[in-house]
């Protein structure tokens, strides 16, 4: 039962995280750099949950694992774009740090699942 709650919690967290990223993107400046990074950030952040949703409908264990691996890559890419926004001083650190913490926790959860799937 605990694994099921963890999966549900992970999907819910990814969905909320996507909403938080969209909210962040909506308050970024209209600078060209902000908009380009924002587009990439939205794509990578929303891809995390989308790939977990795809995994749920997969037809094999191998396919399931592949979707989790893609979700992990998207989480790592999302970290990159958030750090870039932070270091370029395109947004305040407090909001970015909260999002970085959440995506790191999500990535760690996904990574543990991928390791488990590889060792199963």
N, C-alpha and C. Protein backbone atom coordinates (compact mmCIF):
# COMPACT_ATOMS: atom_id res chain seq x y z
N UNK A 1 0.82 -1.19 0.00
CA UNK A 1 0.00 0.00 0.00
C UNK A 1 0.87 1.26 0.00
N UNK A 2 1.99 1.21 0.70
CA UNK A 2 2.87 2.38 0.78
C UNK A 2 3.42 2.77 -0.59
N UNK A 3 3.82 1.78 -1.41
CA UNK A 3 4.32 2.06 -2.76
C UNK A 3 3.26 2.76 -3.59
N UNK A 4 2.03 2.33 -3.45
CA UNK A 4 0.93 2.95 -4.22
C UNK A 4 0.76 4.41 -3.81
N UNK A 5 0.81 4.69 -2.50
CA UNK A 5 0.69 6.07 -2.03
C UNK A 5 1.85 6.91 -2.50
N UNK A 6 3.04 6.33 -2.53
CA UNK A 6 4.21 7.04 -3.01
C UNK A 6 4.04 7.41 -4.48
N UNK A 7 3.55 6.48 -5.29
CA UNK A 7 3.35 6.75 -6.71
C UNK A 7 2.30 7.83 -6.91
N UNK A 8 1.21 7.75 -6.16
CA UNK A 8 0.16 8.76 -6.26
C UNK A 8 0.71 10.11 -5.81
N UNK A 9 1.42 10.10 -4.72
CA UNK A 9 2.02 11.33 -4.21
C UNK A 9 2.99 11.92 -5.22
N UNK A 10 3.78 11.08 -5.86
CA UNK A 10 4.74 11.54 -6.86
C UNK A 10 4.02 12.18 -8.04
N UNK A 11 2.99 11.52 -8.53
CA UNK A 11 2.23 12.08 -9.65
C UNK A 11 1.58 13.41 -9.26
N UNK A 12 1.01 13.47 -8.07
CA UNK A 12 0.39 14.71 -7.60
C UNK A 12 1.43 15.82 -7.44
N UNK A 13 2.58 15.47 -6.91
CA UNK A 13 3.65 16.46 -6.74
C UNK A 13 4.14 16.98 -8.09
N UNK A 14 4.26 16.09 -9.05
CA UNK A 14 4.69 16.50 -10.40
C UNK A 14 3.66 17.43 -11.02
N UNK A 15 2.40 17.13 -10.83
CA UNK A 15 1.33 17.96 -11.39
C UNK A 15 1.36 19.35 -10.75
N UNK A 16 1.46 19.39 -9.42
CA UNK A 16 1.53 20.68 -8.72
C UNK A 16 2.79 21.44 -9.11
N UNK A 17 3.89 20.72 -9.25
CA UNK A 17 5.14 21.34 -9.66
C UNK A 17 4.99 21.98 -11.04
N UNK A 18 4.33 21.29 -11.96
CA UNK A 18 4.08 21.86 -13.29
C UNK A 18 3.28 23.15 -13.18
N UNK A 19 2.27 23.15 -12.34
CA UNK A 19 1.47 24.37 -12.14
C UNK A 19 2.32 25.50 -11.56
N UNK A 20 3.20 25.16 -10.62
CA UNK A 20 4.08 26.17 -10.03
C UNK A 20 5.05 26.75 -11.06
N UNK A 21 5.53 25.91 -11.95
CA UNK A 21 6.44 26.37 -13.02
C UNK A 21 5.69 27.29 -13.98
N UNK A 22 4.47 26.92 -14.32
CA UNK A 22 3.66 27.77 -15.20
C UNK A 22 3.43 29.13 -14.55
N UNK A 23 3.15 29.14 -13.25
CA UNK A 23 2.97 30.40 -12.52
C UNK A 23 4.24 31.24 -12.55
N UNK A 24 5.38 30.59 -12.36
CA UNK A 24 6.66 31.31 -12.42
C UNK A 24 6.86 31.91 -13.81
N UNK A 25 6.62 31.12 -14.84
CA UNK A 25 6.81 31.59 -16.22
C UNK A 25 5.94 32.80 -16.51
N UNK A 26 4.75 32.82 -15.93
CA UNK A 26 3.83 33.93 -16.18
C UNK A 26 4.27 35.25 -15.56
N UNK A 27 5.19 35.20 -14.59
CA UNK A 27 5.65 36.45 -13.97
C UNK A 27 7.06 36.86 -14.41
N UNK A 28 7.67 36.06 -15.26
CA UNK A 28 9.00 36.43 -15.76
C UNK A 28 8.87 37.65 -16.68
N UNK A 29 9.95 38.36 -16.80
CA UNK A 29 9.95 39.56 -17.64
C UNK A 29 9.76 39.19 -19.11
N UNK A 30 9.55 40.19 -19.91
CA UNK A 30 9.38 39.97 -21.35
C UNK A 30 10.71 39.99 -22.10
N UNK A 31 11.82 40.00 -21.35
CA UNK A 31 13.13 39.93 -22.00
C UNK A 31 13.19 38.66 -22.84
N UNK A 32 13.87 38.76 -23.94
CA UNK A 32 14.01 37.60 -24.83
C UNK A 32 14.61 36.40 -24.11
N UNK A 33 15.63 36.64 -23.31
CA UNK A 33 16.29 35.54 -22.59
C UNK A 33 15.33 34.86 -21.62
N UNK A 34 14.54 35.64 -20.92
CA UNK A 34 13.56 35.07 -19.98
C UNK A 34 12.54 34.22 -20.71
N UNK A 35 12.09 34.69 -21.84
CA UNK A 35 11.06 33.96 -22.58
C UNK A 35 11.59 32.65 -23.16
N UNK A 36 12.81 32.67 -23.65
CA UNK A 36 13.40 31.45 -24.21
C UNK A 36 13.61 30.41 -23.11
N UNK A 37 14.18 30.85 -22.00
CA UNK A 37 14.40 29.93 -20.88
C UNK A 37 13.06 29.43 -20.34
N UNK A 38 12.10 30.33 -20.26
CA UNK A 38 10.77 29.98 -19.77
C UNK A 38 10.14 28.89 -20.62
N UNK A 39 10.24 29.00 -21.93
CA UNK A 39 9.69 27.98 -22.83
C UNK A 39 10.33 26.62 -22.56
N UNK A 40 11.65 26.62 -22.47
CA UNK A 40 12.37 25.37 -22.21
C UNK A 40 12.00 24.79 -20.85
N UNK A 41 11.90 25.68 -19.87
CA UNK A 41 11.57 25.27 -18.50
C UNK A 41 10.19 24.62 -18.44
N UNK A 42 9.21 25.24 -19.08
CA UNK A 42 7.85 24.68 -19.09
C UNK A 42 7.86 23.30 -19.76
N UNK A 43 8.56 23.20 -20.86
CA UNK A 43 8.61 21.91 -21.58
C UNK A 43 9.21 20.81 -20.70
N UNK A 44 10.35 21.10 -20.10
CA UNK A 44 11.02 20.06 -19.31
C UNK A 44 10.25 19.74 -18.03
N UNK A 45 9.73 20.75 -17.37
CA UNK A 45 9.02 20.53 -16.10
C UNK A 45 7.73 19.74 -16.30
N UNK A 46 6.98 20.09 -17.32
CA UNK A 46 5.72 19.38 -17.55
C UNK A 46 5.96 17.98 -18.11
N UNK A 47 7.11 17.78 -18.71
CA UNK A 47 7.47 16.47 -19.24
C UNK A 47 7.65 15.44 -18.14
N UNK A 48 8.05 15.87 -16.96
CA UNK A 48 8.27 14.94 -15.85
C UNK A 48 6.98 14.17 -15.56
N UNK A 49 5.93 14.91 -15.24
CA UNK A 49 4.65 14.28 -14.93
C UNK A 49 4.02 13.58 -16.12
N UNK A 50 4.19 14.15 -17.30
CA UNK A 50 3.62 13.54 -18.50
C UNK A 50 4.23 12.16 -18.74
N UNK A 51 5.52 12.03 -18.52
CA UNK A 51 6.16 10.72 -18.72
C UNK A 51 5.77 9.72 -17.65
N UNK A 52 5.51 10.19 -16.44
CA UNK A 52 5.01 9.29 -15.40
C UNK A 52 3.61 8.81 -15.74
N UNK A 53 2.81 9.70 -16.33
CA UNK A 53 1.46 9.31 -16.77
C UNK A 53 1.55 8.27 -17.90
N UNK A 54 2.48 8.48 -18.81
CA UNK A 54 2.70 7.52 -19.89
C UNK A 54 3.15 6.17 -19.34
N UNK A 55 4.00 6.20 -18.32
CA UNK A 55 4.49 4.95 -17.72
C UNK A 55 3.34 4.13 -17.18
N UNK A 56 2.38 4.81 -16.60
CA UNK A 56 1.21 4.12 -16.03
C UNK A 56 0.47 3.30 -17.09
N UNK A 57 0.49 3.77 -18.31
CA UNK A 57 -0.22 3.09 -19.40
C UNK A 57 0.70 2.22 -20.25
N UNK A 58 1.93 2.00 -19.80
CA UNK A 58 2.88 1.23 -20.61
C UNK A 58 2.47 -0.24 -20.70
N UNK A 59 2.96 -0.88 -21.75
CA UNK A 59 2.57 -2.26 -22.02
C UNK A 59 3.58 -3.29 -21.53
N UNK A 60 4.73 -2.83 -21.05
CA UNK A 60 5.73 -3.77 -20.55
C UNK A 60 6.56 -3.10 -19.46
N UNK A 61 7.24 -3.92 -18.71
CA UNK A 61 8.10 -3.41 -17.64
C UNK A 61 9.24 -2.56 -18.23
N UNK A 62 9.78 -3.00 -19.35
CA UNK A 62 10.85 -2.26 -20.02
C UNK A 62 10.37 -0.88 -20.46
N UNK A 63 9.18 -0.84 -21.03
CA UNK A 63 8.62 0.44 -21.46
C UNK A 63 8.34 1.34 -20.25
N UNK A 64 7.84 0.75 -19.17
CA UNK A 64 7.58 1.48 -17.93
C UNK A 64 8.87 2.13 -17.42
N UNK A 65 9.93 1.33 -17.38
CA UNK A 65 11.24 1.83 -16.92
C UNK A 65 11.74 2.95 -17.81
N UNK A 66 11.55 2.81 -19.11
CA UNK A 66 12.01 3.83 -20.07
C UNK A 66 11.32 5.17 -19.80
N UNK A 67 10.02 5.15 -19.54
CA UNK A 67 9.31 6.40 -19.26
C UNK A 67 9.82 7.03 -17.96
N UNK A 68 10.14 6.23 -16.97
CA UNK A 68 10.69 6.75 -15.72
C UNK A 68 12.08 7.36 -15.96
N UNK A 69 12.86 6.72 -16.81
CA UNK A 69 14.19 7.27 -17.14
C UNK A 69 14.06 8.61 -17.86
N UNK A 70 13.09 8.72 -18.75
CA UNK A 70 12.87 9.99 -19.46
C UNK A 70 12.40 11.06 -18.47
N UNK A 71 11.53 10.68 -17.54
CA UNK A 71 11.07 11.63 -16.52
C UNK A 71 12.25 12.13 -15.69
N UNK A 72 13.17 11.24 -15.36
CA UNK A 72 14.36 11.63 -14.59
C UNK A 72 15.22 12.61 -15.39
N UNK A 73 15.40 12.34 -16.66
CA UNK A 73 16.17 13.26 -17.51
C UNK A 73 15.50 14.63 -17.58
N UNK A 74 14.18 14.64 -17.66
CA UNK A 74 13.44 15.90 -17.69
C UNK A 74 13.59 16.66 -16.37
N UNK A 75 13.60 15.94 -15.28
CA UNK A 75 13.79 16.57 -13.97
C UNK A 75 15.18 17.22 -13.89
N UNK A 76 16.19 16.51 -14.39
CA UNK A 76 17.55 17.07 -14.39
C UNK A 76 17.65 18.28 -15.31
N UNK A 77 16.97 18.23 -16.44
CA UNK A 77 16.97 19.38 -17.35
C UNK A 77 16.26 20.57 -16.69
N UNK A 78 15.20 20.29 -15.98
CA UNK A 78 14.45 21.35 -15.29
C UNK A 78 15.35 22.05 -14.27
N UNK A 79 16.14 21.27 -13.55
CA UNK A 79 17.10 21.85 -12.59
C UNK A 79 18.03 22.82 -13.31
N UNK A 80 18.51 22.41 -14.46
CA UNK A 80 19.43 23.25 -15.24
C UNK A 80 18.79 24.60 -15.55
N UNK A 81 17.55 24.58 -16.08
CA UNK A 81 16.89 25.83 -16.47
C UNK A 81 16.59 26.71 -15.25
N UNK A 82 16.23 26.10 -14.14
CA UNK A 82 15.98 26.89 -12.92
C UNK A 82 17.26 27.53 -12.42
N UNK A 83 18.35 26.77 -12.43
CA UNK A 83 19.64 27.32 -12.00
C UNK A 83 20.09 28.44 -12.92
N UNK A 84 19.84 28.28 -14.21
CA UNK A 84 20.19 29.33 -15.17
C UNK A 84 19.40 30.61 -14.90
N UNK A 85 18.12 30.47 -14.66
CA UNK A 85 17.30 31.64 -14.31
C UNK A 85 17.84 32.32 -13.05
N UNK A 86 18.20 31.52 -12.07
CA UNK A 86 18.72 32.04 -10.80
C UNK A 86 20.05 32.76 -11.00
N UNK A 87 20.99 32.11 -11.67
CA UNK A 87 22.32 32.68 -11.85
C UNK A 87 22.32 33.89 -12.77
N UNK A 88 21.37 33.94 -13.70
CA UNK A 88 21.25 35.09 -14.59
C UNK A 88 20.48 36.23 -13.92
N UNK A 89 20.03 35.97 -12.70
CA UNK A 89 19.28 36.95 -11.91
C UNK A 89 18.02 37.43 -12.63
N UNK A 90 17.34 36.48 -13.26
CA UNK A 90 16.11 36.80 -13.98
C UNK A 90 14.87 36.62 -13.10
N UNK A 91 15.09 36.10 -11.89
CA UNK A 91 14.00 35.89 -10.93
C UNK A 91 14.60 35.88 -9.53
N UNK A 92 13.77 36.13 -8.53
CA UNK A 92 14.31 36.17 -7.16
C UNK A 92 14.66 34.76 -6.67
N UNK A 93 15.70 34.70 -5.85
CA UNK A 93 16.25 33.42 -5.39
C UNK A 93 15.28 32.60 -4.55
N UNK A 94 14.45 33.28 -3.77
CA UNK A 94 13.56 32.56 -2.86
C UNK A 94 12.60 31.63 -3.61
N UNK A 95 11.97 32.14 -4.66
CA UNK A 95 11.03 31.31 -5.41
C UNK A 95 11.76 30.21 -6.18
N UNK A 96 12.92 30.51 -6.70
CA UNK A 96 13.70 29.51 -7.43
C UNK A 96 14.19 28.41 -6.49
N UNK A 97 14.67 28.80 -5.31
CA UNK A 97 15.18 27.82 -4.36
C UNK A 97 14.10 26.82 -3.95
N UNK A 98 12.89 27.29 -3.77
CA UNK A 98 11.77 26.41 -3.42
C UNK A 98 11.50 25.41 -4.56
N UNK A 99 11.51 25.91 -5.78
CA UNK A 99 11.28 25.04 -6.94
C UNK A 99 12.44 24.07 -7.15
N UNK A 100 13.67 24.54 -6.95
CA UNK A 100 14.83 23.66 -7.06
C UNK A 100 14.78 22.54 -6.03
N UNK A 101 14.37 22.88 -4.83
CA UNK A 101 14.25 21.87 -3.78
C UNK A 101 13.20 20.82 -4.16
N UNK A 102 12.07 21.28 -4.66
CA UNK A 102 11.01 20.34 -5.03
C UNK A 102 11.42 19.44 -6.20
N UNK A 103 12.02 20.00 -7.23
CA UNK A 103 12.42 19.17 -8.37
C UNK A 103 13.54 18.21 -7.97
N UNK A 104 14.38 18.60 -7.05
CA UNK A 104 15.43 17.69 -6.56
C UNK A 104 14.80 16.52 -5.82
N UNK A 105 13.81 16.79 -4.99
CA UNK A 105 13.12 15.71 -4.28
C UNK A 105 12.40 14.79 -5.26
N UNK A 106 11.74 15.38 -6.25
CA UNK A 106 11.05 14.59 -7.27
C UNK A 106 12.06 13.72 -8.03
N UNK A 107 13.17 14.32 -8.43
CA UNK A 107 14.21 13.57 -9.17
C UNK A 107 14.74 12.42 -8.33
N UNK A 108 14.94 12.65 -7.05
CA UNK A 108 15.43 11.59 -6.16
C UNK A 108 14.44 10.44 -6.06
N UNK A 109 13.16 10.77 -5.99
CA UNK A 109 12.12 9.73 -5.93
C UNK A 109 12.12 8.91 -7.22
N UNK A 110 12.21 9.60 -8.33
CA UNK A 110 12.21 8.91 -9.63
C UNK A 110 13.47 8.06 -9.78
N UNK A 111 14.60 8.61 -9.36
CA UNK A 111 15.88 7.87 -9.45
C UNK A 111 15.82 6.59 -8.63
N UNK A 112 15.24 6.66 -7.44
CA UNK A 112 15.11 5.45 -6.62
C UNK A 112 14.25 4.41 -7.33
N UNK A 113 13.19 4.87 -7.97
CA UNK A 113 12.32 3.95 -8.70
C UNK A 113 13.06 3.32 -9.89
N UNK A 114 13.84 4.12 -10.59
CA UNK A 114 14.60 3.60 -11.73
C UNK A 114 15.61 2.56 -11.28
N UNK A 115 16.30 2.83 -10.18
CA UNK A 115 17.28 1.86 -9.65
C UNK A 115 16.58 0.57 -9.26
N UNK A 116 15.44 0.71 -8.62
CA UNK A 116 14.66 -0.48 -8.23
C UNK A 116 14.23 -1.28 -9.46
N UNK A 117 13.79 -0.59 -10.49
CA UNK A 117 13.35 -1.25 -11.72
C UNK A 117 14.51 -1.95 -12.42
N UNK A 118 15.69 -1.35 -12.36
CA UNK A 118 16.86 -1.96 -13.01
C UNK A 118 17.34 -3.20 -12.26
N UNK A 119 17.14 -3.19 -10.94
CA UNK A 119 17.61 -4.31 -10.12
C UNK A 119 16.57 -5.39 -9.92
N UNK A 120 15.39 -5.19 -10.43
CA UNK A 120 14.30 -6.14 -10.22
C UNK A 120 14.42 -7.34 -11.11
